[in-house]
PDB file of N, CA and C in Angstrom:
ATOM      1  N   MET A   1     -18.774   2.934  -1.216  1.00  0.00           N
ATOM      2  CA  MET A   1     -19.707   2.545  -2.256  1.00  0.00           C
ATOM      3  C   MET A   1     -19.318   1.155  -2.745  1.00  0.00           C
ATOM      4  N   ASN A   2     -20.197   0.246  -2.621  1.00  0.00           N
ATOM      5  CA  ASN A   2     -19.934  -1.134  -3.008  1.00  0.00           C
ATOM      6  C   ASN A   2     -20.589  -1.421  -4.346  1.00  0.00           C
ATOM      7  N   SER A   3     -19.805  -2.003  -5.278  1.00  0.00           N
ATOM      8  CA  SER A   3     -20.328  -2.228  -6.625  1.00  0.00           C
ATOM      9  C   SER A   3     -21.431  -3.277  -6.659  1.00  0.00           C
ATOM     10  N   THR A   4     -21.463  -4.170  -5.682  1.00  0.00           N
ATOM     11  CA  THR A   4     -22.493  -5.193  -5.697  1.00  0.00           C
ATOM     12  C   THR A   4     -23.838  -4.648  -5.221  1.00  0.00           C
ATOM     13  N   ASN A   5     -23.827  -3.529  -4.518  1.00  0.00           N
ATOM     14  CA  ASN A   5     -25.078  -2.969  -4.022  1.00  0.00           C
ATOM     15  C   ASN A   5     -25.801  -2.129  -5.057  1.00  0.00           C
ATOM     16  N   ASN A   6     -25.045  -1.358  -5.865  1.00  0.00           N
ATOM     17  CA  ASN A   6     -25.716  -0.444  -6.772  1.00  0.00           C
ATOM     18  C   ASN A   6     -25.544  -0.800  -8.240  1.00  0.00           C
ATOM     19  N   GLY A   7     -24.912  -1.916  -8.548  1.00  0.00           N
ATOM     20  CA  GLY A   7     -24.756  -2.335  -9.929  1.00  0.00           C
ATOM     21  C   GLY A   7     -23.649  -1.620 -10.670  1.00  0.00           C
ATOM     22  N   SER A   8     -22.937  -0.720  -9.996  1.00  0.00           N
ATOM     23  CA  SER A   8     -21.854   0.018 -10.633  1.00  0.00           C
ATOM     24  C   SER A   8     -20.660  -0.889 -10.868  1.00  0.00           C
ATOM     25  N   THR A   9     -19.939  -0.624 -11.963  1.00  0.00           N
ATOM     26  CA  THR A   9     -18.742  -1.415 -12.247  1.00  0.00           C
ATOM     27  C   THR A   9     -17.476  -0.670 -11.854  1.00  0.00           C
ATOM     28  N   HIS A  10     -17.609   0.448 -11.148  1.00  0.00           N
ATOM     29  CA  HIS A  10     -16.449   1.281 -10.871  1.00  0.00           C
ATOM     30  C   HIS A  10     -15.594   0.787  -9.709  1.00  0.00           C
ATOM     31  N   ASP A  11     -16.082  -0.027  -8.835  1.00  0.00           N
ATOM     32  CA  ASP A  11     -15.312  -0.481  -7.688  1.00  0.00           C
ATOM     33  C   ASP A  11     -15.132  -1.997  -7.685  1.00  0.00           C
ATOM     34  N   LEU A  12     -14.972  -2.596  -8.860  1.00  0.00           N
ATOM     35  CA  LEU A  12     -14.840  -4.050  -8.940  1.00  0.00           C
ATOM     36  C   LEU A  12     -13.558  -4.532  -8.298  1.00  0.00           C
ATOM     37  N   VAL A  13     -12.490  -3.799  -8.520  1.00  0.00           N
ATOM     38  CA  VAL A  13     -11.204  -4.085  -7.898  1.00  0.00           C
ATOM     39  C   VAL A  13     -10.899  -2.871  -7.041  1.00  0.00           C
ATOM     40  N   SER A  14     -10.598  -3.107  -5.774  1.00  0.00           N
ATOM     41  CA  SER A  14     -10.402  -1.978  -4.869  1.00  0.00           C
ATOM     42  C   SER A  14      -9.265  -1.077  -5.348  1.00  0.00           C
ATOM     43  N   ARG A  15      -9.385   0.182  -5.026  1.00  0.00           N
ATOM     44  CA  ARG A  15      -8.384   1.173  -5.427  1.00  0.00           C
ATOM     45  C   ARG A  15      -7.005   0.789  -4.908  1.00  0.00           C
ATOM     46  N   ASN A  16      -6.931   0.372  -3.649  1.00  0.00           N
ATOM     47  CA  ASN A  16      -5.639  -0.012  -3.065  1.00  0.00           C
ATOM     48  C   ASN A  16      -5.043  -1.218  -3.780  1.00  0.00           C
ATOM     49  N   CYS A  17      -5.885  -2.155  -4.162  1.00  0.00           N
ATOM     50  CA  CYS A  17      -5.417  -3.335  -4.885  1.00  0.00           C
ATOM     51  C   CYS A  17      -4.869  -2.937  -6.245  1.00  0.00           C
ATOM     52  N   LEU A  18      -5.589  -2.077  -6.969  1.00  0.00           N
ATOM     53  CA  LEU A  18      -5.116  -1.616  -8.276  1.00  0.00           C
ATOM     54  C   LEU A  18      -3.803  -0.850  -8.160  1.00  0.00           C
ATOM     55  N   ILE A  19      -3.692  -0.009  -7.136  1.00  0.00           N
ATOM     56  CA  ILE A  19      -2.457   0.756  -6.928  1.00  0.00           C
ATOM     57  C   ILE A  19      -1.293  -0.189  -6.639  1.00  0.00           C
ATOM     58  N   ALA A  20      -1.527  -1.177  -5.784  1.00  0.00           N
ATOM     59  CA  ALA A  20      -0.464  -2.132  -5.453  1.00  0.00           C
ATOM     60  C   ALA A  20      -0.045  -2.943  -6.679  1.00  0.00           C
ATOM     61  N   LEU A  21      -1.016  -3.406  -7.468  1.00  0.00           N
ATOM     62  CA  LEU A  21      -0.696  -4.180  -8.668  1.00  0.00           C
ATOM     63  C   LEU A  21      -0.001  -3.315  -9.715  1.00  0.00           C
ATOM     64  N   ALA A  22      -0.427  -2.056  -9.850  1.00  0.00           N
ATOM     65  CA  ALA A  22       0.230  -1.151 -10.798  1.00  0.00           C
ATOM     66  C   ALA A  22       1.664  -0.871 -10.362  1.00  0.00           C
ATOM     67  N   ALA A  23       1.890  -0.688  -9.063  1.00  0.00           N
ATOM     68  CA  ALA A  23       3.247  -0.463  -8.559  1.00  0.00           C
ATOM     69  C   ALA A  23       4.120  -1.697  -8.790  1.00  0.00           C
ATOM     70  N   LEU A  24       3.576  -2.865  -8.520  1.00  0.00           N
ATOM     71  CA  LEU A  24       4.320  -4.106  -8.739  1.00  0.00           C
ATOM     72  C   LEU A  24       4.618  -4.302 -10.227  1.00  0.00           C
ATOM     73  N   SER A  25       3.652  -4.015 -11.084  1.00  0.00           N
ATOM     74  CA  SER A  25       3.858  -4.137 -12.526  1.00  0.00           C
ATOM     75  C   SER A  25       4.873  -3.104 -13.020  1.00  0.00           C
ATOM     76  N   GLY A  26       4.825  -1.903 -12.475  1.00  0.00           N
ATOM     77  CA  GLY A  26       5.812  -0.877 -12.819  1.00  0.00           C
ATOM     78  C   GLY A  26       7.213  -1.283 -12.390  1.00  0.00           C
ATOM     79  N   ALA A  27       7.322  -1.855 -11.187  1.00  0.00           N
ATOM     80  CA  ALA A  27       8.620  -2.355 -10.716  1.00  0.00           C
ATOM     81  C   ALA A  27       9.112  -3.491 -11.612  1.00  0.00           C
ATOM     82  N   ASN A  28       8.186  -4.289 -12.114  1.00  0.00           N
ATOM     83  CA  ASN A  28       8.540  -5.368 -13.034  1.00  0.00           C
ATOM     84  C   ASN A  28       9.159  -4.803 -14.313  1.00  0.00           C
ATOM     85  N   VAL A  29       8.581  -3.740 -14.854  1.00  0.00           N
ATOM     86  CA  VAL A  29       9.118  -3.107 -16.067  1.00  0.00           C
ATOM     87  C   VAL A  29      10.525  -2.572 -15.789  1.00  0.00           C
ATOM     88  N   ILE A  30      10.681  -1.890 -14.658  1.00  0.00           N
ATOM     89  CA  ILE A  30      11.991  -1.329 -14.298  1.00  0.00           C
ATOM     90  C   ILE A  30      13.025  -2.442 -14.119  1.00  0.00           C
ATOM     91  N   ALA A  31      12.634  -3.526 -13.473  1.00  0.00           N
ATOM     92  CA  ALA A  31      13.561  -4.648 -13.273  1.00  0.00           C
ATOM     93  C   ALA A  31      13.971  -5.259 -14.612  1.00  0.00           C
ATOM     94  N   HIS A  32      13.039  -5.360 -15.542  1.00  0.00           N
ATOM     95  CA  HIS A  32      13.365  -5.867 -16.880  1.00  0.00           C
ATOM     96  C   HIS A  32      14.339  -4.940 -17.594  1.00  0.00           C
ATOM     97  N   LEU A  33      14.138  -3.645 -17.470  1.00  0.00           N
ATOM     98  CA  LEU A  33      15.036  -2.685 -18.111  1.00  0.00           C
ATOM     99  C   LEU A  33      16.431  -2.739 -17.492  1.00  0.00           C
ATOM    100  N   ILE A  34      16.503  -2.959 -16.181  1.00  0.00           N
ATOM    101  CA  ILE A  34      17.797  -3.094 -15.510  1.00  0.00           C
ATOM    102  C   ILE A  34      18.500  -4.368 -15.958  1.00  0.00           C
ATOM    103  N   ALA A  35      17.745  -5.448 -16.132  1.00  0.00           N
ATOM    104  CA  ALA A  35      18.331  -6.736 -16.536  1.00  0.00           C
ATOM    105  C   ALA A  35      18.687  -6.779 -18.018  1.00  0.00           C
ATOM    106  N   LEU A  36      18.112  -5.901 -18.807  1.00  0.00           N
ATOM    107  CA  LEU A  36      18.282  -5.939 -20.261  1.00  0.00           C
ATOM    108  C   LEU A  36      19.743  -5.962 -20.724  1.00  0.00           C
ATOM    109  N   PRO A  37      20.629  -5.117 -20.191  1.00  0.00           N
ATOM    110  CA  PRO A  37      22.020  -5.144 -20.669  1.00  0.00           C
ATOM    111  C   PRO A  37      22.760  -6.459 -20.395  1.00  0.00           C
ATOM    112  N   SER A  38      22.316  -7.199 -19.404  1.00  0.00           N
ATOM    113  CA  SER A  38      23.009  -8.449 -19.071  1.00  0.00           C
ATOM    114  C   SER A  38      22.478  -9.650 -19.852  1.00  0.00           C
ATOM    115  N   LEU A  39      21.444  -9.448 -20.645  1.00  0.00           N
ATOM    116  CA  LEU A  39      20.874 -10.542 -21.428  1.00  0.00           C
ATOM    117  C   LEU A  39      21.666 -10.752 -22.714  1.00  0.00           C
ATOM    118  N   PRO A  40      21.691 -11.989 -23.215  1.00  0.00           N
ATOM    119  CA  PRO A  40      22.339 -12.217 -24.514  1.00  0.00           C
ATOM    120  C   PRO A  40      21.532 -11.559 -25.630  1.00  0.00           C
ATOM    121  N   ALA A  41      22.126 -11.450 -26.800  1.00  0.00           N
ATOM    122  CA  ALA A  41      21.466 -10.792 -27.929  1.00  0.00           C
ATOM    123  C   ALA A  41      20.180 -11.513 -28.330  1.00  0.00           C
ATOM    124  N   GLN A  42      20.149 -12.838 -28.212  1.00  0.00           N
ATOM    125  CA  GLN A  42      18.965 -13.638 -28.540  1.00  0.00           C
ATOM    126  C   GLN A  42      18.491 -14.355 -27.280  1.00  0.00           C
ATOM    127  N   ILE A  43      17.205 -14.272 -27.011  1.00  0.00           N
ATOM    128  CA  ILE A  43      16.632 -14.948 -25.849  1.00  0.00           C
ATOM    129  C   ILE A  43      15.506 -15.869 -26.303  1.00  0.00           C
ATOM    130  N   PRO A  44      15.213 -16.915 -25.525  1.00  0.00           N
ATOM    131  CA  PRO A  44      14.105 -17.797 -25.901  1.00  0.00           C
ATOM    132  C   PRO A  44      12.769 -17.070 -25.778  1.00  0.00           C
ATOM    133  N   THR A  45      11.907 -17.275 -26.757  1.00  0.00           N
ATOM    134  CA  THR A  45      10.588 -16.640 -26.718  1.00  0.00           C
ATOM    135  C   THR A  45       9.444 -17.640 -26.817  1.00  0.00           C
ATOM    136  N   HIS A  46       9.751 -18.899 -27.102  1.00  0.00           N
ATOM    137  CA  HIS A  46       8.696 -19.900 -27.203  1.00  0.00           C
ATOM    138  C   HIS A  46       9.261 -21.264 -26.863  1.00  0.00           C
ATOM    139  N   TRP A  47       8.463 -22.033 -26.136  1.00  0.00           N
ATOM    140  CA  TRP A  47       8.854 -23.380 -25.740  1.00  0.00           C
ATOM    141  C   TRP A  47       7.827 -24.368 -26.266  1.00  0.00           C
ATOM    142  N   GLY A  48       8.301 -25.530 -26.705  1.00  0.00           N
ATOM    143  CA  GLY A  48       7.407 -26.578 -27.169  1.00  0.00           C
ATOM    144  C   GLY A  48       6.825 -27.353 -26.008  1.00  0.00           C
ATOM    145  N   ALA A  49       5.968 -28.307 -26.302  1.00  0.00           N
ATOM    146  CA  ALA A  49       5.319 -29.118 -25.273  1.00  0.00           C
ATOM    147  C   ALA A  49       6.343 -29.903 -24.458  1.00  0.00           C
ATOM    148  N   SER A  50       7.483 -30.228 -25.068  1.00  0.00           N
ATOM    149  CA  SER A  50       8.519 -30.979 -24.360  1.00  0.00           C
ATOM    150  C   SER A  50       9.352 -30.087 -23.446  1.00  0.00           C
ATOM    151  N   GLY A  51       9.157 -28.778 -23.530  1.00  0.00           N
ATOM    152  CA  GLY A  51       9.912 -27.846 -22.707  1.00  0.00           C
ATOM    153  C   GLY A  51      11.159 -27.315 -23.393  1.00  0.00           C
ATOM    154  N   GLU A  52      11.407 -27.778 -24.604  1.00  0.00           N
ATOM    155  CA  GLU A  52      12.570 -27.301 -25.345  1.00  0.00           C
ATOM    156  C   GLU A  52      12.242 -25.982 -26.048  1.00  0.00           C
ATOM    157  N   VAL A  53      13.238 -25.102 -26.091  1.00  0.00           N
ATOM    158  CA  VAL A  53      13.063 -23.824 -26.771  1.00  0.00           C
ATOM    159  C   VAL A  53      12.961 -24.076 -28.271  1.00  0.00           C
ATOM    160  N   ASN A  54      11.926 -23.515 -28.903  1.00  0.00           N
ATOM    161  CA  ASN A  54      11.786 -23.681 -30.346  1.00  0.00           C
ATOM    162  C   ASN A  54      11.650 -22.356 -31.094  1.00  0.00           C
ATOM    163  N   ASP A  55      11.866 -21.236 -30.392  1.00  0.00           N
ATOM    164  CA  ASP A  55      11.900 -19.938 -31.060  1.00  0.00           C
ATOM    165  C   ASP A  55      12.707 -18.961 -30.218  1.00  0.00           C
ATOM    166  N   TRP A  56      13.419 -18.076 -30.879  1.00  0.00           N
ATOM    167  CA  TRP A  56      14.285 -17.096 -30.232  1.00  0.00           C
ATOM    168  C   TRP A  56      13.930 -15.710 -30.738  1.00  0.00           C
ATOM    169  N   GLY A  57      14.218 -14.699 -29.943  1.00  0.00           N
ATOM    170  CA  GLY A  57      13.964 -13.325 -30.353  1.00  0.00           C
ATOM    171  C   GLY A  57      15.012 -12.396 -29.784  1.00  0.00           C
ATOM    172  N   PRO A  58      14.969 -11.120 -30.161  1.00  0.00           N
ATOM    173  CA  PRO A  58      15.945 -10.159 -29.647  1.00  0.00           C
ATOM    174  C   PRO A  58      15.756  -9.917 -28.155  1.00  0.00           C
ATOM    175  N   SER A  59      16.810  -9.474 -27.485  1.00  0.00           N
ATOM    176  CA  SER A  59      16.755  -9.307 -26.029  1.00  0.00           C
ATOM    177  C   SER A  59      15.730  -8.270 -25.580  1.00  0.00           C
ATOM    178  N   TRP A  60      15.436  -7.270 -26.428  1.00  0.00           N
ATOM    179  CA  TRP A  60      14.454  -6.265 -26.022  1.00  0.00           C
ATOM    180  C   TRP A  60      13.055  -6.870 -25.833  1.00  0.00           C
ATOM    181  N   THR A  61      12.852  -8.076 -26.347  1.00  0.00           N
ATOM    182  CA  THR A  61      11.569  -8.764 -26.169  1.00  0.00           C
ATOM    183  C   THR A  61      11.258  -8.955 -24.688  1.00  0.00           C
ATOM    184  N   ALA A  62      12.295  -9.174 -23.886  1.00  0.00           N
ATOM    185  CA  ALA A  62      12.089  -9.363 -22.446  1.00  0.00           C
ATOM    186  C   ALA A  62      11.476  -8.118 -21.809  1.00  0.00           C
ATOM    187  N   ALA A  63      11.958  -6.937 -22.197  1.00  0.00           N
ATOM    188  CA  ALA A  63      11.398  -5.696 -21.648  1.00  0.00           C
ATOM    189  C   ALA A  63       9.957  -5.502 -22.117  1.00  0.00           C
ATOM    190  N   ALA A  64       9.678  -5.863 -23.363  1.00  0.00           N
ATOM    191  CA  ALA A  64       8.303  -5.745 -23.870  1.00  0.00           C
ATOM    192  C   ALA A  64       7.371  -6.676 -23.096  1.00  0.00           C
ATOM    193  N   LEU A  65       7.834  -7.894 -22.829  1.00  0.00           N
ATOM    194  CA  LEU A  65       7.013  -8.827 -22.044  1.00  0.00           C
ATOM    195  C   LEU A  65       6.806  -8.313 -20.622  1.00  0.00           C
ATOM    196  N   GLY A  66       7.800  -7.612 -20.092  1.00  0.00           N
ATOM    197  CA  GLY A  66       7.680  -7.043 -18.754  1.00  0.00           C
ATOM    198  C   GLY A  66       6.609  -5.980 -18.653  1.00  0.00           C
ATOM    199  N   ALA A  67       6.290  -5.333 -19.775  1.00  0.00           N
ATOM    200  CA  ALA A  67       5.265  -4.286 -19.780  1.00  0.00           C
ATOM    201  C   ALA A  67       3.851  -4.840 -19.954  1.00  0.00           C
ATOM    202  N   LEU A  68       3.724  -6.095 -20.369  1.00  0.00           N
ATOM    203  CA  LEU A  68       2.390  -6.669 -20.592  1.00  0.00           C
ATOM    204  C   LEU A  68       1.480  -6.655 -19.355  1.00  0.00           C
ATOM    205  N   PRO A  69       1.977  -6.997 -18.146  1.00  0.00           N
ATOM    206  CA  PRO A  69       1.067  -6.943 -16.988  1.00  0.00           C
ATOM    207  C   PRO A  69       0.496  -5.549 -16.745  1.00  0.00           C
ATOM    208  N   LEU A  70       1.294  -4.518 -16.993  1.00  0.00           N
ATOM    209  CA  LEU A  70       0.810  -3.150 -16.811  1.00  0.00           C
ATOM    210  C   LEU A  70      -0.276  -2.815 -17.835  1.00  0.00           C
ATOM    211  N   GLY A  71      -0.070  -3.252 -19.070  1.00  0.00           N
ATOM    212  CA  GLY A  71      -1.090  -3.060 -20.097  1.00  0.00           C
ATOM    213  C   GLY A  71      -2.363  -3.819 -19.791  1.00  0.00           C
ATOM    214  N   MET A  72      -2.205  -5.031 -19.254  1.00  0.00           N
ATOM    215  CA  MET A  72      -3.371  -5.826 -18.902  1.00  0.00           C
ATOM    216  C   MET A  72      -4.170  -5.149 -17.784  1.00  0.00           C
ATOM    217  N   LEU A  73      -3.481  -4.557 -16.822  1.00  0.00           N
ATOM    218  CA  LEU A  73      -4.189  -3.848 -15.750  1.00  0.00           C
ATOM    219  C   LEU A  73      -4.993  -2.676 -16.305  1.00  0.00           C
ATOM    220  N   ALA A  74      -4.433  -1.989 -17.275  1.00  0.00           N
ATOM    221  CA  ALA A  74      -5.168  -0.884 -17.904  1.00  0.00           C
ATOM    222  C   ALA A  74      -6.444  -1.408 -18.562  1.00  0.00           C
ATOM    223  N   LEU A  75      -6.335  -2.534 -19.253  1.00  0.00           N
ATOM    224  CA  LEU A  75      -7.530  -3.128 -19.879  1.00  0.00           C
ATOM    225  C   LEU A  75      -8.549  -3.565 -18.830  1.00  0.00           C
ATOM    226  N   ILE A  76      -8.080  -4.171 -17.754  1.00  0.00           N
ATOM    227  CA  ILE A  76      -8.980  -4.621 -16.690  1.00  0.00           C
ATOM    228  C   ILE A  76      -9.715  -3.438 -16.074  1.00  0.00           C
ATOM    229  N   TYR A  77      -9.067  -2.291 -16.032  1.00  0.00           N
ATOM    230  CA  TYR A  77      -9.691  -1.096 -15.490  1.00  0.00           C
ATOM    231  C   TYR A  77     -10.739  -0.527 -16.450  1.00  0.00           C
ATOM    232  N   VAL A  78     -10.460  -0.577 -17.747  1.00  0.00           N
ATOM    233  CA  VAL A  78     -11.321   0.071 -18.738  1.00  0.00           C
ATOM    234  C   VAL A  78     -12.480  -0.817 -19.195  1.00  0.00           C
ATOM    235  N   ILE A  79     -12.236  -2.080 -19.450  1.00  0.00           N
ATOM    236  CA  ILE A  79     -13.245  -2.944 -20.079  1.00  0.00           C
ATOM    237  C   ILE A  79     -14.581  -2.978 -19.325  1.00  0.00           C
ATOM    238  N   PRO A  80     -14.614  -3.148 -17.996  1.00  0.00           N
ATOM    239  CA  PRO A  80     -15.931  -3.147 -17.338  1.00  0.00           C
ATOM    240  C   PRO A  80     -16.672  -1.822 -17.484  1.00  0.00           C
ATOM    241  N   ARG A  81     -15.945  -0.731 -17.681  1.00  0.00           N
ATOM    242  CA  ARG A  81     -16.582   0.575 -17.807  1.00  0.00           C
ATOM    243  C   ARG A  81     -17.190   0.799 -19.188  1.00  0.00           C
ATOM    244  N   ILE A  82     -16.683   0.089 -20.209  1.00  0.00           N
ATOM    245  CA  ILE A  82     -17.223   0.280 -21.552  1.00  0.00           C
ATOM    246  C   ILE A  82     -18.105  -0.878 -22.003  1.00  0.00           C
ATOM    247  N   ASP A  83     -18.135  -1.941 -21.220  1.00  0.00           N
ATOM    248  CA  ASP A  83     -18.956  -3.100 -21.561  1.00  0.00           C
ATOM    249  C   ASP A  83     -20.425  -2.768 -21.336  1.00  0.00           C
ATOM    250  N   PRO A  84     -21.260  -2.877 -22.366  1.00  0.00           N
ATOM    251  CA  PRO A  84     -22.676  -2.551 -22.192  1.00  0.00           C
ATOM    252  C   PRO A  84     -23.386  -3.483 -21.210  1.00  0.00           C
ATOM    253  N   LYS A  85     -22.854  -4.656 -21.000  1.00  0.00           N
ATOM    254  CA  LYS A  85     -23.438  -5.585 -20.037  1.00  0.00           C
ATOM    255  C   LYS A  85     -22.505  -5.742 -18.847  1.00  0.00           C
ATOM    256  N   GLY A  86     -21.926  -4.641 -18.381  1.00  0.00           N
ATOM    257  CA  GLY A  86     -20.942  -4.636 -17.308  1.00  0.00           C
ATOM    258  C   GLY A  86     -21.446  -5.117 -15.962  1.00  0.00           C
ATOM    259  N   ASN A  87     -22.751  -5.266 -15.812  1.00  0.00           N
ATOM    260  CA  ASN A  87     -23.281  -5.728 -14.529  1.00  0.00           C
ATOM    261  C   ASN A  87     -22.803  -7.135 -14.196  1.00  0.00           C
ATOM    262  N   GLY A  88     -22.425  -7.915 -15.195  1.00  0.00           N
ATOM    263  CA  GLY A  88     -21.904  -9.260 -14.947  1.00  0.00           C
ATOM    264  C   GLY A  88     -20.638  -9.224 -14.125  1.00  0.00           C
ATOM    265  N   TYR A  89     -19.829  -8.196 -14.331  1.00  0.00           N
ATOM    266  CA  TYR A  89     -18.616  -8.058 -13.532  1.00  0.00           C
ATOM    267  C   TYR A  89     -18.977  -7.808 -12.072  1.00  0.00           C
ATOM    268  N   ALA A  90     -19.965  -6.950 -11.849  1.00  0.00           N
ATOM    269  CA  ALA A  90     -20.383  -6.638 -10.484  1.00  0.00           C
ATOM    270  C   ALA A  90     -20.949  -7.867  -9.783  1.00  0.00           C
ATOM    271  N   ARG A  91     -21.658  -8.728 -10.533  1.00  0.00           N
ATOM    272  CA  ARG A  91     -22.220  -9.942  -9.933  1.00  0.00           C
ATOM    273  C   ARG A  91     -21.131 -10.927  -9.522  1.00  0.00           C
ATOM    274  N   ALA A  92     -19.958 -10.827 -10.144  1.00  0.00           N
ATOM    275  CA  ALA A  92     -18.865 -11.746  -9.807  1.00  0.00           C
ATOM    276  C   ALA A  92     -18.307 -11.468  -8.418  1.00  0.00           C
ATOM    277  N   GLY A  93     -18.549 -10.278  -7.901  1.00  0.00           N
ATOM    278  CA  GLY A  93     -18.120  -9.943  -6.549  1.00  0.00           C
ATOM    279  C   GLY A  93     -16.614  -9.982  -6.387  1.00  0.00           C
ATOM    280  N   LYS A  94     -16.152 -10.493  -5.256  1.00  0.00           N
ATOM    281  CA  LYS A  94     -14.721 -10.532  -4.947  1.00  0.00           C
ATOM    282  C   LYS A  94     -13.956 -11.507  -5.830  1.00  0.00           C
ATOM    283  N   PHE A  95     -14.656 -12.409  -6.490  1.00  0.00           N
ATOM    284  CA  PHE A  95     -13.967 -13.343  -7.386  1.00  0.00           C
ATOM    285  C   PHE A  95     -13.210 -12.575  -8.462  1.00  0.00           C
ATOM    286  N   TYR A  96     -13.802 -11.514  -8.986  1.00  0.00           N
ATOM    287  CA  TYR A  96     -13.167 -10.737 -10.047  1.00  0.00           C
ATOM    288  C   TYR A  96     -11.860 -10.126  -9.550  1.00  0.00           C
ATOM    289  N   GLN A  97     -11.864  -9.593  -8.348  1.00  0.00           N
ATOM    290  CA  GLN A  97     -10.638  -9.002  -7.793  1.00  0.00           C
ATOM    291  C   GLN A  97      -9.572 -10.077  -7.620  1.00  0.00           C
ATOM    292  N   ARG A  98      -9.957 -11.239  -7.111  1.00  0.00           N
ATOM    293  CA  ARG A  98      -8.992 -12.334  -6.950  1.00  0.00           C
ATOM    294  C   ARG A  98      -8.451 -12.783  -8.311  1.00  0.00           C
ATOM    295  N   PHE A  99      -9.308 -12.811  -9.309  1.00  0.00           N
ATOM    296  CA  PHE A  99      -8.902 -13.169 -10.661  1.00  0.00           C
ATOM    297  C   PHE A  99      -7.871 -12.168 -11.183  1.00  0.00           C
ATOM    298  N   VAL A 100      -8.129 -10.880 -10.995  1.00  0.00           N
ATOM    299  CA  VAL A 100      -7.212  -9.829 -11.452  1.00  0.00           C
ATOM    300  C   VAL A 100      -5.857  -9.971 -10.773  1.00  0.00           C
ATOM    301  N   VAL A 101      -5.852 -10.184  -9.468  1.00  0.00           N
ATOM    302  CA  VAL A 101      -4.596 -10.355  -8.737  1.00  0.00           C
ATOM    303  C   VAL A 101      -3.844 -11.585  -9.246  1.00  0.00           C
ATOM    304  N   GLY A 102      -4.536 -12.698  -9.371  1.00  0.00           N
ATOM    305  CA  GLY A 102      -3.898 -13.938  -9.820  1.00  0.00           C
ATOM    306  C   GLY A 102      -3.323 -13.836 -11.214  1.00  0.00           C
ATOM    307  N   VAL A 103      -4.088 -13.282 -12.134  1.00  0.00           N
ATOM    308  CA  VAL A 103      -3.616 -13.165 -13.521  1.00  0.00           C
ATOM    309  C   VAL A 103      -2.440 -12.193 -13.610  1.00  0.00           C
ATOM    310  N   THR A 104      -2.494 -11.098 -12.875  1.00  0.00           N
ATOM    311  CA  THR A 104      -1.388 -10.135 -12.901  1.00  0.00           C
ATOM    312  C   THR A 104      -0.109 -10.766 -12.366  1.00  0.00           C
ATOM    313  N   LEU A 105      -0.200 -11.465 -11.251  1.00  0.00           N
ATOM    314  CA  LEU A 105       0.992 -12.110 -10.682  1.00  0.00           C
ATOM    315  C   LEU A 105       1.520 -13.198 -11.606  1.00  0.00           C
ATOM    316  N   LEU A 106       0.626 -13.950 -12.222  1.00  0.00           N
ATOM    317  CA  LEU A 106       1.045 -14.985 -13.169  1.00  0.00           C
ATOM    318  C   LEU A 106       1.758 -14.357 -14.364  1.00  0.00           C
ATOM    319  N   MET A 107       1.221 -13.262 -14.894  1.00  0.00           N
ATOM    320  CA  MET A 107       1.859 -12.603 -16.029  1.00  0.00           C
ATOM    321  C   MET A 107       3.229 -12.041 -15.666  1.00  0.00           C
ATOM    322  N   ILE A 108       3.363 -11.519 -14.456  1.00  0.00           N
ATOM    323  CA  ILE A 108       4.672 -11.026 -14.018  1.00  0.00           C
ATOM    324  C   ILE A 108       5.667 -12.176 -13.955  1.00  0.00           C
ATOM    325  N   ALA A 109       5.251 -13.304 -13.407  1.00  0.00           N
ATOM    326  CA  ALA A 109       6.147 -14.468 -13.319  1.00  0.00           C
ATOM    327  C   ALA A 109       6.514 -14.976 -14.710  1.00  0.00           C
ATOM    328  N   ILE A 110       5.542 -15.069 -15.587  1.00  0.00           N
ATOM    329  CA  ILE A 110       5.799 -15.570 -16.943  1.00  0.00           C
ATOM    330  C   ILE A 110       6.702 -14.614 -17.714  1.00  0.00           C
ATOM    331  N   SER A 111       6.614 -13.325 -17.432  1.00  0.00           N
ATOM    332  CA  SER A 111       7.433 -12.360 -18.164  1.00  0.00           C
ATOM    333  C   SER A 111       8.929 -12.570 -17.928  1.00  0.00           C
ATOM    334  N   TRP A 112       9.275 -13.293 -16.863  1.00  0.00           N
ATOM    335  CA  TRP A 112      10.694 -13.538 -16.571  1.00  0.00           C
ATOM    336  C   TRP A 112      11.217 -14.809 -17.228  1.00  0.00           C
ATOM    337  N   LEU A 113      10.365 -15.631 -17.812  1.00  0.00           N
ATOM    338  CA  LEU A 113      10.837 -16.876 -18.451  1.00  0.00           C
ATOM    339  C   LEU A 113      11.908 -16.642 -19.503  1.00  0.00           C
ATOM    340  N   PRO A 114      11.763 -15.684 -20.419  1.00  0.00           N
ATOM    341  CA  PRO A 114      12.821 -15.495 -21.421  1.00  0.00           C
ATOM    342  C   PRO A 114      14.159 -15.055 -20.822  1.00  0.00           C
ATOM    343  N   SER A 115      14.136 -14.466 -19.637  1.00  0.00           N
ATOM    344  CA  SER A 115      15.365 -13.979 -19.011  1.00  0.00           C
ATOM    345  C   SER A 115      16.116 -15.076 -18.265  1.00  0.00           C
ATOM    346  N   LEU A 116      15.474 -16.214 -18.045  1.00  0.00           N
ATOM    347  CA  LEU A 116      16.139 -17.311 -17.341  1.00  0.00           C
ATOM    348  C   LEU A 116      17.156 -17.979 -18.255  1.00  0.00           C
ATOM    349  N   PRO A 117      18.205 -18.544 -17.669  1.00  0.00           N
ATOM    350  CA  PRO A 117      19.171 -19.270 -18.514  1.00  0.00           C
ATOM    351  C   PRO A 117      18.465 -20.409 -19.248  1.00  0.00           C
ATOM    352  N   SER A 118      18.797 -20.572 -20.523  1.00  0.00           N
ATOM    353  CA  SER A 118      18.117 -21.585 -21.340  1.00  0.00           C
ATOM    354  C   SER A 118      18.671 -22.972 -21.111  1.00  0.00           C
ATOM    355  N   GLY A 119      19.768 -23.094 -20.444  1.00  0.00           N
ATOM    356  CA  GLY A 119      20.338 -24.404 -20.187  1.00  0.00           C
ATOM    357  C   GLY A 119      21.113 -24.959 -21.364  1.00  0.00           C
ATOM    358  N   ALA A 120      21.254 -24.175 -22.416  1.00  0.00           N
ATOM    359  CA  ALA A 120      21.987 -24.641 -23.595  1.00  0.00           C
ATOM    360  C   ALA A 120      23.429 -24.238 -23.525  1.00  0.00           C
TER     361      ALA A 120
END
C-alpha cells in the first residue's frame, strides 16, 4: 500500500526505515548511559557563535540529549496521523522519509557534542 496512491499518511516512512532508526536511536541512548559514568560532573550544554562554551549543565544532561532522537521519531510517527491536513505529508513522497532519516542522524550526532572534550 503506497501512501501517495491513496492519500493515506500511514506509510510515509517505511516500516523498515522506522525500525532501523528506532534501533539506532535506542543504541544511542544505551551508549549515552554507558558513557555517563566517565563524564565529568559538569558538561558543556551551549556554545556561542565563536564556538566557545558559554553554559554548563550536569552530566545526566548528556543521557537526556541522547533520548531526544527517539522522542522525535515518536512525534514523526504520530503527527501525520493526527494532522487534519495530513495529505501534505503524503504529497511530499520520498522526500519526507529522507528528511526523517537526515534529521534523526543529525540529532544523534548533535547529542554527542556535550560528551566531547571541551578543550579547556
